[in-house]
Amino acid sequence: QRRVAIKWSVRERDMGGLVAEAIQKVDAAIHLPPGYRMLWSGRFEDQQRALSRLTVIVPLVIFIIFVLLFGAFQSLGDSLLIMLNLPFALIGGTLALYLWRTTFNISAAVGYIAVFGVSVLNGVVLVSSIRHALDEGVAFREAIVRGCEIRFRPIIVSGIVAVIGFLPAALSHEIGAEIQRPLARVVIGGLISSTALTLLVLPAIYALFAPREVPANAGKPTT
């Protein structure tokens, strides 16, 4: 088959969003006769393959996180409670992409995986602190308050430091920044929402659904 290659470079735009816009405009303006076809390849094709692989990798990562949590805490309730941090992070990351008008691509997907790990870690730290207070004989609601007070500053500081660190990449317009921006924006949005909701919503859910009395070794990560 004969072919004609049209090459072009992408600058100051994300690959997926620009190609999607180009496909829409080209399909509306050009109608090929029978026997002709148009293919979009190059870096865009590689990106689509990577995204298809991520549809398998991301659920697998989430499942592995849950298995590790259950193995550490030996509690289905605690594991599910900590996993609530994933939608907390998802809300902020998606909102950041929307507000910055950034298209979801492979870089953004990697950002989601990164922020999922950080948000789960925050949940582990908070729940472990509450369980430690319960093991010391502290009353249920007081243990929740104490756990939040002890872990409030570390969780807030780690979130602020990470957000400040990713901010230059999120706002950059240098060459190659179109790869960094989606990842940085997802991480910033995900950290802001997961940090806030971990400290505000997670303790409330814990107070509603967690058992009032726990064994002395419950909730402690096993070694």
N, C-alpha and C. Protein backbone atom coordinates (compact mmCIF):
# COMPACT_ATOMS: atom_id res chain seq x y z
N GLN A 1 0.84 -1.20 0.00
CA GLN A 1 0.00 0.00 0.00
C GLN A 1 0.87 1.25 0.00
N ARG A 2 0.45 2.21 -0.77
CA ARG A 2 1.15 3.50 -0.77
C ARG A 2 0.65 4.35 0.39
N ARG A 3 1.51 5.21 0.86
CA ARG A 3 1.12 6.07 1.97
C ARG A 3 1.83 7.41 1.87
N VAL A 4 1.21 8.39 2.47
CA VAL A 4 1.78 9.74 2.58
C VAL A 4 1.83 10.09 4.06
N ALA A 5 3.03 10.35 4.58
CA ALA A 5 3.20 10.67 6.00
C ALA A 5 3.22 12.17 6.20
N ILE A 6 2.42 12.63 7.11
CA ILE A 6 2.39 14.05 7.50
C ILE A 6 2.88 14.13 8.94
N LYS A 7 4.01 14.79 9.13
CA LYS A 7 4.63 14.86 10.45
C LYS A 7 4.46 16.25 11.04
N TRP A 8 4.24 16.31 12.34
CA TRP A 8 4.15 17.58 13.04
C TRP A 8 4.50 17.39 14.50
N SER A 9 4.93 18.45 15.13
CA SER A 9 5.37 18.40 16.52
C SER A 9 4.36 19.09 17.42
N VAL A 10 4.36 18.69 18.67
CA VAL A 10 3.45 19.26 19.66
C VAL A 10 4.26 20.11 20.63
N ARG A 11 3.82 21.36 20.81
CA ARG A 11 4.47 22.26 21.76
C ARG A 11 3.41 22.98 22.59
N GLU A 12 3.66 23.03 23.90
CA GLU A 12 2.80 23.74 24.84
C GLU A 12 1.37 23.18 24.89
N ARG A 13 1.20 21.95 24.45
CA ARG A 13 -0.09 21.26 24.55
C ARG A 13 0.17 19.81 24.90
N ASP A 14 -0.77 19.17 25.57
CA ASP A 14 -0.62 17.76 25.83
C ASP A 14 -1.00 16.97 24.59
N MET A 15 -0.30 15.87 24.39
CA MET A 15 -0.45 15.08 23.17
C MET A 15 -1.88 14.59 22.97
N GLY A 16 -2.46 13.97 23.99
CA GLY A 16 -3.79 13.39 23.84
C GLY A 16 -4.85 14.41 23.51
N GLY A 17 -4.84 15.55 24.21
CA GLY A 17 -5.85 16.58 23.97
C GLY A 17 -5.73 17.20 22.59
N LEU A 18 -4.50 17.46 22.16
CA LEU A 18 -4.30 18.08 20.86
C LEU A 18 -4.70 17.15 19.72
N VAL A 19 -4.32 15.89 19.82
CA VAL A 19 -4.67 14.94 18.76
C VAL A 19 -6.17 14.70 18.72
N ALA A 20 -6.82 14.63 19.87
CA ALA A 20 -8.28 14.46 19.89
C ALA A 20 -8.97 15.64 19.21
N GLU A 21 -8.47 16.84 19.46
CA GLU A 21 -9.03 18.03 18.81
C GLU A 21 -8.76 18.01 17.31
N ALA A 22 -7.54 17.57 16.93
CA ALA A 22 -7.19 17.50 15.52
C ALA A 22 -8.04 16.47 14.78
N ILE A 23 -8.26 15.32 15.41
CA ILE A 23 -9.09 14.28 14.78
C ILE A 23 -10.49 14.80 14.53
N GLN A 24 -11.05 15.50 15.49
CA GLN A 24 -12.40 16.04 15.34
C GLN A 24 -12.49 17.02 14.18
N LYS A 25 -11.51 17.91 14.08
CA LYS A 25 -11.53 18.92 13.02
C LYS A 25 -11.25 18.31 11.65
N VAL A 26 -10.31 17.36 11.60
CA VAL A 26 -9.98 16.73 10.32
C VAL A 26 -11.14 15.89 9.81
N ASP A 27 -11.79 15.15 10.68
CA ASP A 27 -12.93 14.32 10.26
C ASP A 27 -14.08 15.18 9.75
N ALA A 28 -14.22 16.38 10.32
CA ALA A 28 -15.30 17.27 9.88
C ALA A 28 -14.97 17.94 8.55
N ALA A 29 -13.68 18.13 8.26
CA ALA A 29 -13.29 18.89 7.07
C ALA A 29 -12.90 18.01 5.88
N ILE A 30 -12.44 16.79 6.14
CA ILE A 30 -11.92 15.94 5.07
C ILE A 30 -12.74 14.66 4.99
N HIS A 31 -13.21 14.35 3.80
CA HIS A 31 -13.96 13.11 3.56
C HIS A 31 -13.20 12.30 2.51
N LEU A 32 -12.58 11.21 2.92
CA LEU A 32 -11.74 10.42 2.03
C LEU A 32 -12.58 9.55 1.10
N PRO A 33 -12.15 9.39 -0.14
CA PRO A 33 -12.86 8.50 -1.07
C PRO A 33 -12.64 7.05 -0.70
N PRO A 34 -13.42 6.13 -1.25
CA PRO A 34 -13.26 4.71 -0.95
C PRO A 34 -11.85 4.23 -1.27
N GLY A 35 -11.31 3.38 -0.41
CA GLY A 35 -9.97 2.86 -0.60
C GLY A 35 -8.90 3.64 0.13
N TYR A 36 -9.26 4.78 0.68
CA TYR A 36 -8.30 5.60 1.43
C TYR A 36 -8.65 5.56 2.91
N ARG A 37 -7.64 5.67 3.73
CA ARG A 37 -7.86 5.73 5.17
C ARG A 37 -6.80 6.62 5.82
N MET A 38 -7.12 7.06 7.02
CA MET A 38 -6.24 7.96 7.74
C MET A 38 -5.91 7.34 9.10
N LEU A 39 -4.62 7.27 9.43
CA LEU A 39 -4.17 6.70 10.69
C LEU A 39 -3.37 7.75 11.46
N TRP A 40 -3.55 7.74 12.76
CA TRP A 40 -2.79 8.63 13.64
C TRP A 40 -1.79 7.76 14.40
N SER A 41 -0.52 7.96 14.17
CA SER A 41 0.49 7.08 14.74
C SER A 41 1.57 7.90 15.46
N GLY A 42 2.77 7.37 15.51
CA GLY A 42 3.85 8.07 16.18
C GLY A 42 3.70 8.04 17.70
N ARG A 43 4.04 9.14 18.33
CA ARG A 43 3.97 9.22 19.79
C ARG A 43 2.54 9.05 20.29
N PHE A 44 1.57 9.50 19.51
CA PHE A 44 0.18 9.35 19.92
C PHE A 44 -0.20 7.88 20.00
N GLU A 45 0.21 7.10 19.02
CA GLU A 45 -0.10 5.67 19.03
C GLU A 45 0.57 4.98 20.22
N ASP A 46 1.82 5.37 20.51
CA ASP A 46 2.51 4.80 21.67
C ASP A 46 1.78 5.16 22.97
N GLN A 47 1.29 6.38 23.03
CA GLN A 47 0.57 6.82 24.22
C GLN A 47 -0.72 6.03 24.41
N GLN A 48 -1.42 5.75 23.33
CA GLN A 48 -2.66 4.98 23.42
C GLN A 48 -2.39 3.56 23.90
N ARG A 49 -1.29 2.98 23.43
CA ARG A 49 -0.93 1.64 23.90
C ARG A 49 -0.64 1.66 25.41
N ALA A 50 0.10 2.69 25.83
CA ALA A 50 0.43 2.80 27.25
C ALA A 50 -0.83 2.97 28.10
N LEU A 51 -1.78 3.76 27.62
CA LEU A 51 -3.03 3.95 28.36
C LEU A 51 -3.81 2.65 28.47
N SER A 52 -3.80 1.86 27.41
CA SER A 52 -4.51 0.58 27.46
C SER A 52 -3.86 -0.36 28.47
N ARG A 53 -2.53 -0.30 28.58
CA ARG A 53 -1.86 -1.12 29.60
C ARG A 53 -2.20 -0.63 31.00
N LEU A 54 -2.33 0.68 31.16
CA LEU A 54 -2.64 1.23 32.47
C LEU A 54 -4.03 0.83 32.96
N THR A 55 -4.94 0.55 32.04
CA THR A 55 -6.27 0.09 32.46
C THR A 55 -6.20 -1.24 33.19
N VAL A 56 -5.11 -1.97 32.98
CA VAL A 56 -4.88 -3.21 33.72
C VAL A 56 -4.02 -2.95 34.95
N ILE A 57 -3.01 -2.09 34.80
CA ILE A 57 -2.05 -1.86 35.87
C ILE A 57 -2.69 -1.16 37.07
N VAL A 58 -3.51 -0.12 36.81
CA VAL A 58 -4.09 0.66 37.91
C VAL A 58 -4.99 -0.20 38.81
N PRO A 59 -5.95 -0.97 38.26
CA PRO A 59 -6.73 -1.85 39.16
C PRO A 59 -5.86 -2.86 39.89
N LEU A 60 -4.81 -3.34 39.23
CA LEU A 60 -3.91 -4.29 39.89
C LEU A 60 -3.18 -3.63 41.07
N VAL A 61 -2.74 -2.39 40.87
CA VAL A 61 -2.08 -1.65 41.95
C VAL A 61 -3.02 -1.46 43.13
N ILE A 62 -4.27 -1.08 42.84
CA ILE A 62 -5.25 -0.89 43.91
C ILE A 62 -5.49 -2.19 44.67
N PHE A 63 -5.59 -3.29 43.95
CA PHE A 63 -5.79 -4.59 44.60
C PHE A 63 -4.60 -4.96 45.48
N ILE A 64 -3.39 -4.72 44.99
CA ILE A 64 -2.19 -5.03 45.77
C ILE A 64 -2.14 -4.17 47.03
N ILE A 65 -2.51 -2.89 46.91
CA ILE A 65 -2.55 -2.02 48.08
C ILE A 65 -3.50 -2.58 49.13
N PHE A 66 -4.68 -3.02 48.68
CA PHE A 66 -5.66 -3.57 49.63
C PHE A 66 -5.13 -4.84 50.30
N VAL A 67 -4.51 -5.72 49.53
CA VAL A 67 -3.97 -6.96 50.09
C VAL A 67 -2.90 -6.65 51.14
N LEU A 68 -2.03 -5.69 50.84
CA LEU A 68 -0.98 -5.31 51.80
C LEU A 68 -1.58 -4.71 53.07
N LEU A 69 -2.62 -3.89 52.90
CA LEU A 69 -3.27 -3.30 54.08
C LEU A 69 -3.91 -4.38 54.94
N PHE A 70 -4.60 -5.31 54.30
CA PHE A 70 -5.25 -6.37 55.05
C PHE A 70 -4.23 -7.26 55.75
N GLY A 71 -3.12 -7.53 55.08
CA GLY A 71 -2.07 -8.32 55.70
C GLY A 71 -1.42 -7.61 56.88
N ALA A 72 -1.34 -6.29 56.81
CA ALA A 72 -0.71 -5.52 57.89
C ALA A 72 -1.62 -5.34 59.08
N PHE A 73 -2.90 -5.03 58.83
CA PHE A 73 -3.82 -4.70 59.91
C PHE A 73 -4.67 -5.88 60.37
N GLN A 74 -4.76 -6.92 59.54
CA GLN A 74 -5.60 -8.08 59.88
C GLN A 74 -7.03 -7.66 60.20
N SER A 75 -7.50 -6.65 59.48
CA SER A 75 -8.86 -6.14 59.71
C SER A 75 -9.44 -5.68 58.39
N LEU A 76 -10.54 -6.30 57.99
CA LEU A 76 -11.20 -5.90 56.75
C LEU A 76 -11.75 -4.49 56.85
N GLY A 77 -12.33 -4.14 58.01
CA GLY A 77 -12.90 -2.81 58.19
C GLY A 77 -11.86 -1.72 58.09
N ASP A 78 -10.73 -1.90 58.78
CA ASP A 78 -9.67 -0.90 58.73
C ASP A 78 -9.11 -0.76 57.32
N SER A 79 -8.96 -1.88 56.64
CA SER A 79 -8.41 -1.85 55.27
C SER A 79 -9.34 -1.08 54.33
N LEU A 80 -10.64 -1.37 54.41
CA LEU A 80 -11.60 -0.66 53.57
C LEU A 80 -11.66 0.81 53.93
N LEU A 81 -11.55 1.11 55.21
CA LEU A 81 -11.59 2.51 55.65
C LEU A 81 -10.41 3.29 55.08
N ILE A 82 -9.24 2.70 55.13
CA ILE A 82 -8.05 3.36 54.58
C ILE A 82 -8.16 3.50 53.06
N MET A 83 -8.78 2.51 52.41
CA MET A 83 -8.93 2.58 50.96
C MET A 83 -9.85 3.72 50.53
N LEU A 84 -10.62 4.28 51.46
CA LEU A 84 -11.44 5.44 51.13
C LEU A 84 -10.60 6.64 50.72
N ASN A 85 -9.33 6.62 51.07
CA ASN A 85 -8.45 7.71 50.65
C ASN A 85 -8.26 7.74 49.14
N LEU A 86 -8.48 6.63 48.47
CA LEU A 86 -8.33 6.61 47.01
C LEU A 86 -9.35 7.50 46.32
N PRO A 87 -10.66 7.36 46.61
CA PRO A 87 -11.60 8.33 46.00
C PRO A 87 -11.37 9.75 46.47
N PHE A 88 -10.87 9.94 47.70
CA PHE A 88 -10.54 11.29 48.15
C PHE A 88 -9.50 11.91 47.22
N ALA A 89 -8.46 11.14 46.89
CA ALA A 89 -7.42 11.63 45.99
C ALA A 89 -7.94 11.77 44.56
N LEU A 90 -8.81 10.85 44.15
CA LEU A 90 -9.36 10.89 42.80
C LEU A 90 -10.17 12.16 42.57
N ILE A 91 -10.91 12.59 43.58
CA ILE A 91 -11.72 13.81 43.46
C ILE A 91 -10.83 15.02 43.18
N GLY A 92 -9.79 15.19 43.98
CA GLY A 92 -8.92 16.34 43.81
C GLY A 92 -8.14 16.31 42.51
N GLY A 93 -7.62 15.14 42.14
CA GLY A 93 -6.87 15.04 40.89
C GLY A 93 -7.72 15.34 39.67
N THR A 94 -8.95 14.82 39.66
CA THR A 94 -9.85 15.07 38.53
C THR A 94 -10.27 16.53 38.48
N LEU A 95 -10.54 17.12 39.64
CA LEU A 95 -10.91 18.53 39.69
C LEU A 95 -9.76 19.42 39.21
N ALA A 96 -8.53 19.05 39.56
CA ALA A 96 -7.38 19.82 39.11
C ALA A 96 -7.24 19.78 37.59
N LEU A 97 -7.44 18.60 37.00
CA LEU A 97 -7.38 18.50 35.54
C LEU A 97 -8.46 19.35 34.90
N TYR A 98 -9.64 19.37 35.49
CA TYR A 98 -10.75 20.15 34.94
C TYR A 98 -10.48 21.65 35.04
N LEU A 99 -10.04 22.10 36.20
CA LEU A 99 -9.81 23.54 36.39
C LEU A 99 -8.65 24.04 35.55
N TRP A 100 -7.63 23.21 35.36
CA TRP A 100 -6.49 23.61 34.53
C TRP A 100 -6.73 23.28 33.05
N ARG A 101 -7.90 22.73 32.74
CA ARG A 101 -8.23 22.36 31.36
C ARG A 101 -7.16 21.45 30.75
N THR A 102 -6.82 20.43 31.49
CA THR A 102 -5.79 19.48 31.08
C THR A 102 -6.44 18.15 30.74
N THR A 103 -6.07 17.59 29.61
CA THR A 103 -6.63 16.32 29.18
C THR A 103 -5.96 15.15 29.90
N PHE A 104 -6.74 14.15 30.23
CA PHE A 104 -6.18 12.95 30.86
C PHE A 104 -5.29 12.22 29.87
N ASN A 105 -4.07 11.88 30.28
CA ASN A 105 -3.14 11.15 29.43
C ASN A 105 -2.28 10.24 30.30
N ILE A 106 -1.24 9.67 29.70
CA ILE A 106 -0.40 8.72 30.41
C ILE A 106 0.28 9.37 31.61
N SER A 107 0.70 10.61 31.45
CA SER A 107 1.35 11.33 32.55
C SER A 107 0.39 11.54 33.72
N ALA A 108 -0.85 11.91 33.42
CA ALA A 108 -1.85 12.08 34.48
C ALA A 108 -2.14 10.76 35.18
N ALA A 109 -2.17 9.67 34.43
CA ALA A 109 -2.41 8.35 35.03
C ALA A 109 -1.31 7.98 36.02
N VAL A 110 -0.07 8.27 35.65
CA VAL A 110 1.04 8.02 36.57
C VAL A 110 0.90 8.90 37.81
N GLY A 111 0.43 10.13 37.63
CA GLY A 111 0.19 11.01 38.77
C GLY A 111 -0.84 10.44 39.72
N TYR A 112 -1.90 9.83 39.18
CA TYR A 112 -2.91 9.20 40.03
C TYR A 112 -2.31 8.06 40.85
N ILE A 113 -1.48 7.23 40.22
CA ILE A 113 -0.85 6.13 40.94
C ILE A 113 0.00 6.66 42.09
N ALA A 114 0.77 7.73 41.82
CA ALA A 114 1.63 8.31 42.85
C ALA A 114 0.82 8.86 44.01
N VAL A 115 -0.24 9.61 43.70
CA VAL A 115 -1.02 10.24 44.77
C VAL A 115 -1.85 9.19 45.53
N PHE A 116 -2.21 8.10 44.88
CA PHE A 116 -2.89 7.02 45.59
C PHE A 116 -2.01 6.47 46.71
N GLY A 117 -0.73 6.28 46.41
CA GLY A 117 0.18 5.76 47.42
C GLY A 117 0.33 6.69 48.60
N VAL A 118 0.47 7.99 48.33
CA VAL A 118 0.63 8.96 49.41
C VAL A 118 -0.63 9.05 50.25
N SER A 119 -1.79 9.07 49.61
CA SER A 119 -3.05 9.19 50.35
C SER A 119 -3.31 7.97 51.22
N VAL A 120 -2.99 6.78 50.72
CA VAL A 120 -3.14 5.57 51.52
C VAL A 120 -2.19 5.62 52.72
N LEU A 121 -0.98 6.10 52.51
CA LEU A 121 -0.03 6.22 53.62
C LEU A 121 -0.57 7.14 54.71
N ASN A 122 -1.19 8.25 54.32
CA ASN A 122 -1.80 9.14 55.31
C ASN A 122 -2.88 8.42 56.11
N GLY A 123 -3.69 7.62 55.42
CA GLY A 123 -4.73 6.87 56.12
C GLY A 123 -4.16 5.84 57.08
N VAL A 124 -3.08 5.17 56.66
CA VAL A 124 -2.43 4.19 57.53
C VAL A 124 -1.91 4.87 58.79
N VAL A 125 -1.26 6.01 58.61
CA VAL A 125 -0.71 6.74 59.76
C VAL A 125 -1.81 7.15 60.73
N LEU A 126 -2.93 7.66 60.20
CA LEU A 126 -4.01 8.13 61.06
C LEU A 126 -4.69 6.98 61.80
N VAL A 127 -5.05 5.93 61.08
CA VAL A 127 -5.73 4.80 61.71
C VAL A 127 -4.82 4.12 62.73
N SER A 128 -3.54 3.99 62.42
CA SER A 128 -2.60 3.38 63.37
C SER A 128 -2.52 4.20 64.65
N SER A 129 -2.54 5.51 64.52
CA SER A 129 -2.48 6.38 65.69
C SER A 129 -3.73 6.22 66.56
N ILE A 130 -4.89 6.14 65.92
CA ILE A 130 -6.14 5.94 66.67
C ILE A 130 -6.13 4.59 67.37
N ARG A 131 -5.71 3.55 66.67
CA ARG A 131 -5.67 2.21 67.26
C ARG A 131 -4.68 2.16 68.44
N HIS A 132 -3.58 2.86 68.30
CA HIS A 132 -2.60 2.89 69.39
C HIS A 132 -3.22 3.51 70.64
N ALA A 133 -3.98 4.58 70.46
CA ALA A 133 -4.64 5.22 71.60
C ALA A 133 -5.67 4.28 72.22
N LEU A 134 -6.40 3.54 71.39
CA LEU A 134 -7.37 2.57 71.91
C LEU A 134 -6.69 1.47 72.71
N ASP A 135 -5.54 1.01 72.23
CA ASP A 135 -4.81 -0.03 72.94
C ASP A 135 -4.32 0.44 74.30
N GLU A 136 -4.14 1.74 74.45
CA GLU A 136 -3.71 2.30 75.73
C GLU A 136 -4.88 2.49 76.69
N GLY A 137 -6.09 2.13 76.25
CA GLY A 137 -7.25 2.23 77.12
C GLY A 137 -8.00 3.54 77.05
N VAL A 138 -7.68 4.37 76.06
CA VAL A 138 -8.37 5.65 75.90
C VAL A 138 -9.78 5.40 75.39
N ALA A 139 -10.74 6.20 75.83
CA ALA A 139 -12.12 6.08 75.36
C ALA A 139 -12.19 6.25 73.85
N PHE A 140 -13.23 5.64 73.25
CA PHE A 140 -13.30 5.55 71.79
C PHE A 140 -13.21 6.91 71.11
N ARG A 141 -14.11 7.83 71.44
CA ARG A 141 -14.11 9.13 70.77
C ARG A 141 -12.87 9.95 71.13
N GLU A 142 -12.41 9.82 72.35
CA GLU A 142 -11.20 10.54 72.74
C GLU A 142 -9.99 10.01 71.98
N ALA A 143 -9.99 8.70 71.71
CA ALA A 143 -8.89 8.11 70.94
C ALA A 143 -8.86 8.66 69.53
N ILE A 144 -10.04 8.85 68.93
CA ILE A 144 -10.09 9.43 67.59
C ILE A 144 -9.55 10.85 67.60
N VAL A 145 -9.97 11.64 68.59
CA VAL A 145 -9.50 13.02 68.69
C VAL A 145 -7.99 13.06 68.91
N ARG A 146 -7.50 12.20 69.80
CA ARG A 146 -6.07 12.19 70.08
C ARG A 146 -5.27 11.77 68.84
N GLY A 147 -5.75 10.75 68.14
CA GLY A 147 -5.06 10.31 66.93
C GLY A 147 -4.97 11.41 65.90
N CYS A 148 -6.06 12.16 65.72
CA CYS A 148 -6.05 13.27 64.76
C CYS A 148 -5.12 14.39 65.22
N GLU A 149 -5.09 14.66 66.51
CA GLU A 149 -4.21 15.72 67.02
C GLU A 149 -2.74 15.35 66.83
N ILE A 150 -2.42 14.09 67.08
CA ILE A 150 -1.02 13.66 66.97
C ILE A 150 -0.55 13.68 65.52
N ARG A 151 -1.41 13.25 64.60
CA ARG A 151 -0.99 13.10 63.20
C ARG A 151 -1.37 14.29 62.33
N PHE A 152 -2.05 15.28 62.89
CA PHE A 152 -2.48 16.43 62.09
C PHE A 152 -1.28 17.14 61.46
N ARG A 153 -0.31 17.51 62.28
CA ARG A 153 0.82 18.28 61.75
C ARG A 153 1.66 17.50 60.74
N PRO A 154 2.04 16.23 61.01
CA PRO A 154 2.82 15.50 60.00
C PRO A 154 2.10 15.36 58.66
N ILE A 155 0.80 15.07 58.70
CA ILE A 155 0.05 14.90 57.45
C ILE A 155 -0.05 16.22 56.70
N ILE A 156 -0.34 17.31 57.42
CA ILE A 156 -0.46 18.62 56.78
C ILE A 156 0.87 19.06 56.18
N VAL A 157 1.94 18.93 56.96
CA VAL A 157 3.26 19.39 56.50
C VAL A 157 3.72 18.60 55.29
N SER A 158 3.55 17.27 55.31
CA SER A 158 3.96 16.47 54.16
C SER A 158 3.17 16.83 52.91
N GLY A 159 1.87 17.12 53.08
CA GLY A 159 1.06 17.53 51.94
C GLY A 159 1.48 18.88 51.38
N ILE A 160 1.74 19.85 52.27
CA ILE A 160 2.15 21.19 51.82
C ILE A 160 3.49 21.13 51.10
N VAL A 161 4.44 20.39 51.65
CA VAL A 161 5.76 20.29 51.03
C VAL A 161 5.66 19.68 49.63
N ALA A 162 4.86 18.62 49.49
CA ALA A 162 4.71 17.98 48.18
C ALA A 162 4.03 18.91 47.18
N VAL A 163 3.00 19.63 47.62
CA VAL A 163 2.30 20.56 46.72
C VAL A 163 3.24 21.66 46.25
N ILE A 164 4.01 22.24 47.17
CA ILE A 164 4.96 23.30 46.80
C ILE A 164 6.02 22.75 45.84
N GLY A 165 6.46 21.52 46.09
CA GLY A 165 7.47 20.93 45.23
C GLY A 165 6.99 20.68 43.81
N PHE A 166 5.72 20.33 43.64
CA PHE A 166 5.19 20.05 42.30
C PHE A 166 4.65 21.29 41.60
N LEU A 167 4.50 22.39 42.33
CA LEU A 167 3.90 23.59 41.74
C LEU A 167 4.67 24.13 40.54
N PRO A 168 6.01 24.22 40.58
CA PRO A 168 6.73 24.71 39.39
C PRO A 168 6.47 23.86 38.14
N ALA A 169 6.42 22.54 38.30
CA ALA A 169 6.15 21.67 37.15
C ALA A 169 4.73 21.86 36.65
N ALA A 170 3.78 22.10 37.55
CA ALA A 170 2.39 22.29 37.15
C ALA A 170 2.18 23.57 36.36
N LEU A 171 3.01 24.58 36.60
CA LEU A 171 2.85 25.88 35.95
C LEU A 171 3.86 26.11 34.83
N SER A 172 4.75 25.17 34.61
CA SER A 172 5.83 25.37 33.64
C SER A 172 5.31 25.36 32.21
N HIS A 173 5.98 26.15 31.37
CA HIS A 173 5.68 26.17 29.93
C HIS A 173 6.96 25.99 29.11
N GLU A 174 7.97 25.41 29.73
CA GLU A 174 9.21 25.14 29.03
C GLU A 174 9.04 23.94 28.09
N ILE A 175 10.07 23.71 27.27
CA ILE A 175 10.03 22.56 26.36
C ILE A 175 10.00 21.27 27.17
N GLY A 176 9.07 20.40 26.86
CA GLY A 176 8.90 19.15 27.59
C GLY A 176 7.94 19.25 28.76
N ALA A 177 7.48 20.47 29.06
CA ALA A 177 6.58 20.65 30.21
C ALA A 177 5.23 20.00 29.99
N GLU A 178 4.86 19.76 28.73
CA GLU A 178 3.55 19.15 28.47
C GLU A 178 3.48 17.72 29.02
N ILE A 179 4.65 17.13 29.28
CA ILE A 179 4.69 15.80 29.89
C ILE A 179 4.59 15.91 31.41
N GLN A 180 5.23 16.94 31.97
CA GLN A 180 5.26 17.08 33.43
C GLN A 180 3.95 17.64 33.99
N ARG A 181 3.33 18.56 33.26
CA ARG A 181 2.19 19.29 33.81
C ARG A 181 1.04 18.40 34.26
N PRO A 182 0.56 17.46 33.44
CA PRO A 182 -0.57 16.64 33.90
C PRO A 182 -0.26 15.87 35.18
N LEU A 183 0.94 15.29 35.26
CA LEU A 183 1.32 14.54 36.45
C LEU A 183 1.32 15.44 37.68
N ALA A 184 1.98 16.60 37.55
CA ALA A 184 2.09 17.52 38.69
C ALA A 184 0.72 18.04 39.12
N ARG A 185 -0.14 18.34 38.17
CA ARG A 185 -1.46 18.87 38.50
C ARG A 185 -2.33 17.83 39.19
N VAL A 186 -2.25 16.60 38.74
CA VAL A 186 -3.00 15.53 39.41
C VAL A 186 -2.50 15.34 40.83
N VAL A 187 -1.19 15.34 41.02
CA VAL A 187 -0.63 15.14 42.36
C VAL A 187 -1.03 16.28 43.28
N ILE A 188 -0.96 17.52 42.79
CA ILE A 188 -1.33 18.67 43.61
C ILE A 188 -2.80 18.59 44.02
N GLY A 189 -3.68 18.40 43.06
CA GLY A 189 -5.10 18.32 43.38
C GLY A 189 -5.43 17.14 44.27
N GLY A 190 -4.84 15.99 43.98
CA GLY A 190 -5.10 14.80 44.78
C GLY A 190 -4.60 14.93 46.21
N LEU A 191 -3.44 15.55 46.39
CA LEU A 191 -2.90 15.73 47.74
C LEU A 191 -3.75 16.70 48.55
N ILE A 192 -4.19 17.77 47.91
CA ILE A 192 -5.01 18.75 48.64
C ILE A 192 -6.31 18.11 49.12
N SER A 193 -7.00 17.42 48.23
CA SER A 193 -8.29 16.82 48.61
C SER A 193 -8.11 15.66 49.58
N SER A 194 -7.15 14.79 49.31
CA SER A 194 -6.98 13.62 50.19
C SER A 194 -6.50 14.02 51.57
N THR A 195 -5.62 15.03 51.64
CA THR A 195 -5.14 15.48 52.95
C THR A 195 -6.29 16.07 53.77
N ALA A 196 -7.08 16.93 53.13
CA ALA A 196 -8.19 17.57 53.84
C ALA A 196 -9.25 16.55 54.25
N LEU A 197 -9.62 15.68 53.32
CA LEU A 197 -10.68 14.72 53.61
C LEU A 197 -10.22 13.62 54.57
N THR A 198 -8.93 13.29 54.53
CA THR A 198 -8.41 12.31 55.48
C THR A 198 -8.56 12.81 56.91
N LEU A 199 -8.29 14.09 57.12
CA LEU A 199 -8.35 14.65 58.47
C LEU A 199 -9.77 15.02 58.90
N LEU A 200 -10.65 15.25 57.94
CA LEU A 200 -12.01 15.69 58.29
C LEU A 200 -13.05 14.58 58.18
N VAL A 201 -13.01 13.83 57.09
CA VAL A 201 -14.05 12.83 56.83
C VAL A 201 -13.69 11.46 57.40
N LEU A 202 -12.44 11.05 57.25
CA LEU A 202 -12.05 9.72 57.70
C LEU A 202 -12.30 9.49 59.19
N PRO A 203 -11.97 10.44 60.08
CA PRO A 203 -12.29 10.22 61.50
C PRO A 203 -13.79 10.10 61.76
N ALA A 204 -14.60 10.87 61.04
CA ALA A 204 -16.05 10.78 61.22
C ALA A 204 -16.57 9.42 60.79
N ILE A 205 -16.08 8.91 59.67
CA ILE A 205 -16.50 7.58 59.22
C ILE A 205 -16.02 6.51 60.19
N TYR A 206 -14.83 6.69 60.70
CA TYR A 206 -14.30 5.75 61.69
C TYR A 206 -15.18 5.72 62.93
N ALA A 207 -15.61 6.90 63.37
CA ALA A 207 -16.46 6.99 64.56
C ALA A 207 -17.81 6.31 64.34
N LEU A 208 -18.29 6.31 63.10
CA LEU A 208 -19.60 5.73 62.81
C LEU A 208 -19.57 4.22 62.67
N PHE A 209 -18.51 3.70 62.05
CA PHE A 209 -18.53 2.30 61.65
C PHE A 209 -17.52 1.40 62.37
N ALA A 210 -16.50 1.97 62.99
CA ALA A 210 -15.50 1.12 63.64
C ALA A 210 -16.06 0.55 64.94
N PRO A 211 -15.63 -0.64 65.33
CA PRO A 211 -16.08 -1.22 66.60
C PRO A 211 -15.58 -0.40 67.78
N ARG A 212 -16.41 -0.30 68.81
CA ARG A 212 -16.04 0.50 69.98
C ARG A 212 -14.94 -0.15 70.80
N GLU A 213 -14.86 -1.46 70.77
CA GLU A 213 -13.83 -2.16 71.52
C GLU A 213 -13.05 -3.04 70.56
N VAL A 214 -11.76 -3.05 70.72
CA VAL A 214 -10.90 -3.84 69.85
C VAL A 214 -9.94 -4.66 70.70
N PRO A 215 -9.47 -5.78 70.17
CA PRO A 215 -8.47 -6.55 70.89
C PRO A 215 -7.19 -5.74 71.04
N ALA A 216 -6.36 -6.16 71.97
CA ALA A 216 -5.16 -5.39 72.26
C ALA A 216 -4.21 -5.33 71.09
N ASN A 217 -4.20 -6.36 70.22
CA ASN A 217 -3.28 -6.37 69.10
C ASN A 217 -3.94 -6.01 67.79
N ALA A 218 -5.22 -5.57 67.81
CA ALA A 218 -5.91 -5.26 66.55
C ALA A 218 -5.44 -3.93 66.02
N GLY A 219 -5.38 -3.85 64.71
CA GLY A 219 -5.07 -2.58 64.08
C GLY A 219 -3.59 -2.26 64.01
N LYS A 220 -2.73 -3.11 64.62
CA LYS A 220 -1.30 -2.86 64.57
C LYS A 220 -0.71 -3.58 63.36
N PRO A 221 0.06 -2.92 62.55
CA PRO A 221 0.69 -3.62 61.44
C PRO A 221 1.55 -4.76 61.95
N THR A 222 1.41 -5.92 61.35
CA THR A 222 2.20 -7.07 61.77
C THR A 222 3.57 -7.02 61.16
N THR A 223 4.53 -7.60 61.83
CA THR A 223 5.92 -7.60 61.35
C THR A 223 6.36 -9.02 61.03
